[in-house]
Amino acid sequence: MKKVGITGNIGSGKSYVCKMFERLGIPVFYSDDETKKLYLIPSVKEQIIKRFGEEVYFEDGTLNRKLLSYHLFKNEEAMKFIESVLYPALNQHFDEWCEQQTSPYVLYESAILFEKNYGKYFDKIIFVSAPEDIRLQRVMERDDCTEENVRSRMRLQMSEETKISKADFVIYNDGDKALEPQVETIDKQLS
């Protein structure tokens, strides 16, 4: 089975494209969603509490995301620590998930595939591209936030041009080109 990474900058519509692949019977591993679940695994939780204190979890056992984010964004070492705890667990979870799949390929959805140098772990990579003005509008509406807020997040990501040059396939989600034929063409090449 092929392991295929799918990525795109904020607001590109990669989740929407993933749903199209799912309709074709292709399983998708949503790394952000799976990472959120890892915070609740006792061994992971124990390490995080040891580093940041018990207040990083609420009394009901759920993660205090706002407090953890505060720690992570003010301290690069804290971010490296979290990554060292979460990424090995995420990779193991993905491998176990792949073993349960029967399709010719699976998709691993991640916004930071290239930023974290994960490209080498996949047989192929799909990049979902959209013009900046469209991405900006989508995220402002989706997250109900300001243009500056979105632009600050955009600045943390590699440029579309760089990612396109590293990808094996590019899906253009610009409102002009139909998405389904692009998805179906890639599906045929990967199956």
Protein backbone atom coordinates (compact mmCIF):
# COMPACT_ATOMS: atom_id res chain seq x y z
CA MET A 1 0.00 0.00 0.00
CA LYS A 2 1.26 3.45 -0.92
CA LYS A 3 1.43 6.15 1.72
CA VAL A 4 0.56 9.52 0.22
CA GLY A 5 0.91 12.84 2.00
CA ILE A 6 -1.60 15.57 1.25
CA THR A 7 -0.93 19.14 2.30
CA GLY A 8 -1.78 22.73 1.48
CA ASN A 9 -1.37 26.11 3.05
CA ILE A 10 -4.02 27.50 5.37
CA GLY A 11 -7.36 27.96 3.60
CA SER A 12 -6.37 25.93 0.53
CA GLY A 13 -9.28 23.51 0.95
CA LYS A 14 -7.22 20.38 1.66
CA SER A 15 -9.85 18.98 4.04
CA TYR A 16 -12.51 19.44 1.35
CA VAL A 17 -10.28 17.65 -1.17
CA CYS A 18 -9.66 14.85 1.35
CA LYS A 19 -13.43 14.31 1.61
CA MET A 20 -13.50 13.85 -2.18
CA PHE A 21 -10.86 11.12 -1.91
CA GLU A 22 -12.85 9.50 0.90
CA ARG A 23 -15.90 9.36 -1.40
CA LEU A 24 -13.69 7.34 -3.78
CA GLY A 25 -13.00 4.87 -0.95
CA ILE A 26 -9.58 6.18 0.04
CA PRO A 27 -8.94 6.31 3.81
CA VAL A 28 -7.61 9.62 5.16
CA PHE A 29 -5.56 10.00 8.35
CA TYR A 30 -6.19 13.55 9.62
CA SER A 31 -2.99 14.28 11.56
CA ASP A 32 -4.32 17.33 13.45
CA ASP A 33 -7.35 15.43 14.73
CA GLU A 34 -5.25 12.42 15.66
CA THR A 35 -2.68 14.61 17.43
CA LYS A 36 -5.43 16.13 19.61
CA LYS A 37 -6.38 12.61 20.75
CA LEU A 38 -2.77 11.87 21.74
CA TYR A 39 -2.90 14.50 24.49
CA LEU A 40 -5.32 12.20 26.35
CA ILE A 41 -3.12 9.07 26.28
CA PRO A 42 -1.93 8.54 29.89
CA SER A 43 1.80 8.23 29.04
CA VAL A 44 1.71 11.41 26.92
CA LYS A 45 -0.39 13.28 29.48
CA GLU A 46 2.03 12.33 32.25
CA GLN A 47 5.02 13.77 30.36
CA ILE A 48 3.18 16.99 29.56
CA ILE A 49 2.07 17.48 33.17
CA LYS A 50 5.61 16.81 34.37
CA ARG A 51 6.93 19.54 32.06
CA PHE A 52 4.18 22.18 32.29
CA GLY A 53 2.27 21.43 35.49
CA GLU A 54 -1.14 20.00 36.30
CA GLU A 55 -2.97 23.19 35.31
CA VAL A 56 -2.27 22.40 31.65
CA TYR A 57 -5.20 19.96 31.94
CA PHE A 58 -8.66 20.87 33.21
CA GLU A 59 -10.25 18.98 36.11
CA ASP A 60 -12.26 16.88 33.64
CA GLY A 61 -8.99 15.63 32.11
CA THR A 62 -9.19 17.61 28.86
CA LEU A 63 -6.28 19.69 27.63
CA ASN A 64 -6.18 23.40 28.43
CA ARG A 65 -5.17 24.32 24.87
CA LYS A 66 -4.98 28.03 25.58
CA LEU A 67 -2.50 27.56 28.42
CA LEU A 68 -0.42 25.03 26.51
CA SER A 69 -0.33 27.36 23.49
CA TYR A 70 0.89 30.15 25.75
CA HIS A 71 3.79 27.94 26.90
CA LEU A 72 4.63 26.78 23.37
CA PHE A 73 4.62 30.13 21.62
CA LYS A 74 6.79 31.86 24.17
CA ASN A 75 9.40 29.10 24.33
CA GLU A 76 10.96 27.25 21.39
CA GLU A 77 12.35 24.56 23.74
CA ALA A 78 8.82 23.84 24.95
CA MET A 79 7.68 23.36 21.35
CA LYS A 80 10.57 20.97 20.69
CA PHE A 81 9.63 19.03 23.81
CA ILE A 82 5.98 18.67 22.73
CA GLU A 83 7.07 17.55 19.26
CA SER A 84 9.46 14.99 20.78
CA VAL A 85 6.57 13.54 22.80
CA LEU A 86 3.81 13.72 20.18
CA TYR A 87 5.46 12.94 16.85
CA PRO A 88 6.78 9.46 17.68
CA ALA A 89 3.36 8.56 19.12
CA LEU A 90 1.64 9.99 16.03
CA ASN A 91 3.92 8.05 13.68
CA GLN A 92 3.26 4.83 15.56
CA HIS A 93 -0.48 5.48 15.50
CA PHE A 94 -0.34 6.14 11.73
CA ASP A 95 1.57 2.89 11.10
CA GLU A 96 -0.97 0.93 13.15
CA TRP A 97 -3.83 2.65 11.30
CA CYS A 98 -2.25 1.82 7.92
CA GLU A 99 -2.11 -1.88 8.85
CA GLN A 100 -5.90 -1.85 9.18
CA GLN A 101 -6.49 -0.38 5.71
CA THR A 102 -7.07 -2.40 2.54
CA SER A 103 -7.05 0.29 -0.16
CA PRO A 104 -4.25 0.64 -2.76
CA TYR A 105 -3.11 3.82 -0.99
CA VAL A 106 -3.91 5.99 2.04
CA LEU A 107 -3.72 9.73 2.56
CA TYR A 108 -1.97 11.43 5.48
CA GLU A 109 -3.36 14.96 5.77
CA SER A 110 -1.09 17.55 7.38
CA ALA A 111 -0.70 21.31 6.99
CA ILE A 112 2.98 21.14 8.04
CA LEU A 113 4.20 18.21 5.95
CA PHE A 114 7.02 20.18 4.33
CA GLU A 115 7.73 22.47 7.29
CA LYS A 116 8.52 19.41 9.44
CA ASN A 117 10.39 17.65 6.62
CA TYR A 118 7.93 14.73 6.53
CA GLY A 119 7.99 14.42 2.76
CA LYS A 120 10.57 11.66 2.89
CA TYR A 121 8.10 9.36 4.69
CA PHE A 122 5.66 9.22 1.77
CA ASP A 123 5.64 7.54 -1.62
CA LYS A 124 3.97 10.58 -3.17
CA ILE A 125 2.79 14.01 -2.05
CA ILE A 126 -0.29 15.94 -3.17
CA PHE A 127 -0.37 19.71 -2.70
CA VAL A 128 -3.67 21.60 -2.70
CA SER A 129 -3.09 25.09 -4.07
CA ALA A 130 -5.31 28.18 -3.94
CA PRO A 131 -4.56 31.86 -4.55
CA GLU A 132 -3.71 33.85 -1.43
CA ASP A 133 -6.71 36.18 -1.67
CA ILE A 134 -9.10 33.20 -1.80
CA ARG A 135 -7.34 31.47 1.11
CA LEU A 136 -7.42 34.67 3.13
CA GLN A 137 -11.17 35.12 2.61
CA ARG A 138 -11.93 31.45 3.41
CA VAL A 139 -10.03 31.51 6.69
CA MET A 140 -11.44 34.88 7.81
CA GLU A 141 -14.96 33.50 7.29
CA ARG A 142 -14.24 30.04 8.71
CA ASP A 143 -12.42 31.24 11.86
CA ASP A 144 -14.25 34.57 12.22
CA CYS A 145 -10.96 36.44 12.53
CA THR A 146 -9.17 39.48 11.14
CA GLU A 147 -7.05 39.68 8.03
CA GLU A 148 -3.94 40.37 10.13
CA ASN A 149 -4.60 37.27 12.24
CA VAL A 150 -4.75 35.11 9.10
CA ARG A 151 -1.73 36.79 7.51
CA SER A 152 0.34 36.15 10.66
CA ARG A 153 -0.48 32.42 10.36
CA MET A 154 0.25 32.47 6.62
CA ARG A 155 3.71 33.89 7.28
CA LEU A 156 4.58 30.79 9.32
CA GLN A 157 4.13 28.53 6.30
CA MET A 158 6.41 27.92 3.32
CA SER A 159 5.40 29.63 0.11
CA GLU A 160 3.04 27.89 -2.30
CA GLU A 161 5.75 28.00 -4.99
CA THR A 162 8.22 26.11 -2.79
CA LYS A 163 5.65 23.48 -1.88
CA ILE A 164 4.50 23.05 -5.49
CA SER A 165 8.11 22.37 -6.49
CA LYS A 166 8.33 19.61 -3.86
CA ALA A 167 4.97 17.95 -4.61
CA ASP A 168 4.31 15.07 -6.99
CA PHE A 169 0.74 16.22 -7.72
CA VAL A 170 -0.92 19.63 -7.46
CA ILE A 171 -4.66 20.15 -7.15
CA TYR A 172 -5.73 23.70 -8.03
CA ASN A 173 -8.61 24.85 -5.85
CA ASP A 174 -8.96 28.31 -7.36
CA GLY A 175 -12.68 28.29 -8.16
CA ASP A 176 -11.98 27.98 -11.90
CA LYS A 177 -10.76 24.41 -12.36
CA ALA A 178 -13.18 21.65 -11.36
CA LEU A 179 -11.83 19.66 -8.41
CA GLU A 180 -13.41 16.26 -9.08
CA PRO A 181 -11.59 15.58 -12.38
CA GLN A 182 -8.27 16.54 -10.74
CA VAL A 183 -8.93 14.20 -7.80
CA GLU A 184 -10.07 11.35 -10.08
CA THR A 185 -6.97 11.67 -12.29
CA ILE A 186 -4.66 11.43 -9.28
CA ASP A 187 -6.68 8.55 -7.85
CA LYS A 188 -6.27 6.58 -11.10
CA GLN A 189 -2.51 7.18 -11.10
CA LEU A 190 -2.14 6.05 -7.48
CA SER A 191 -4.48 3.02 -7.60
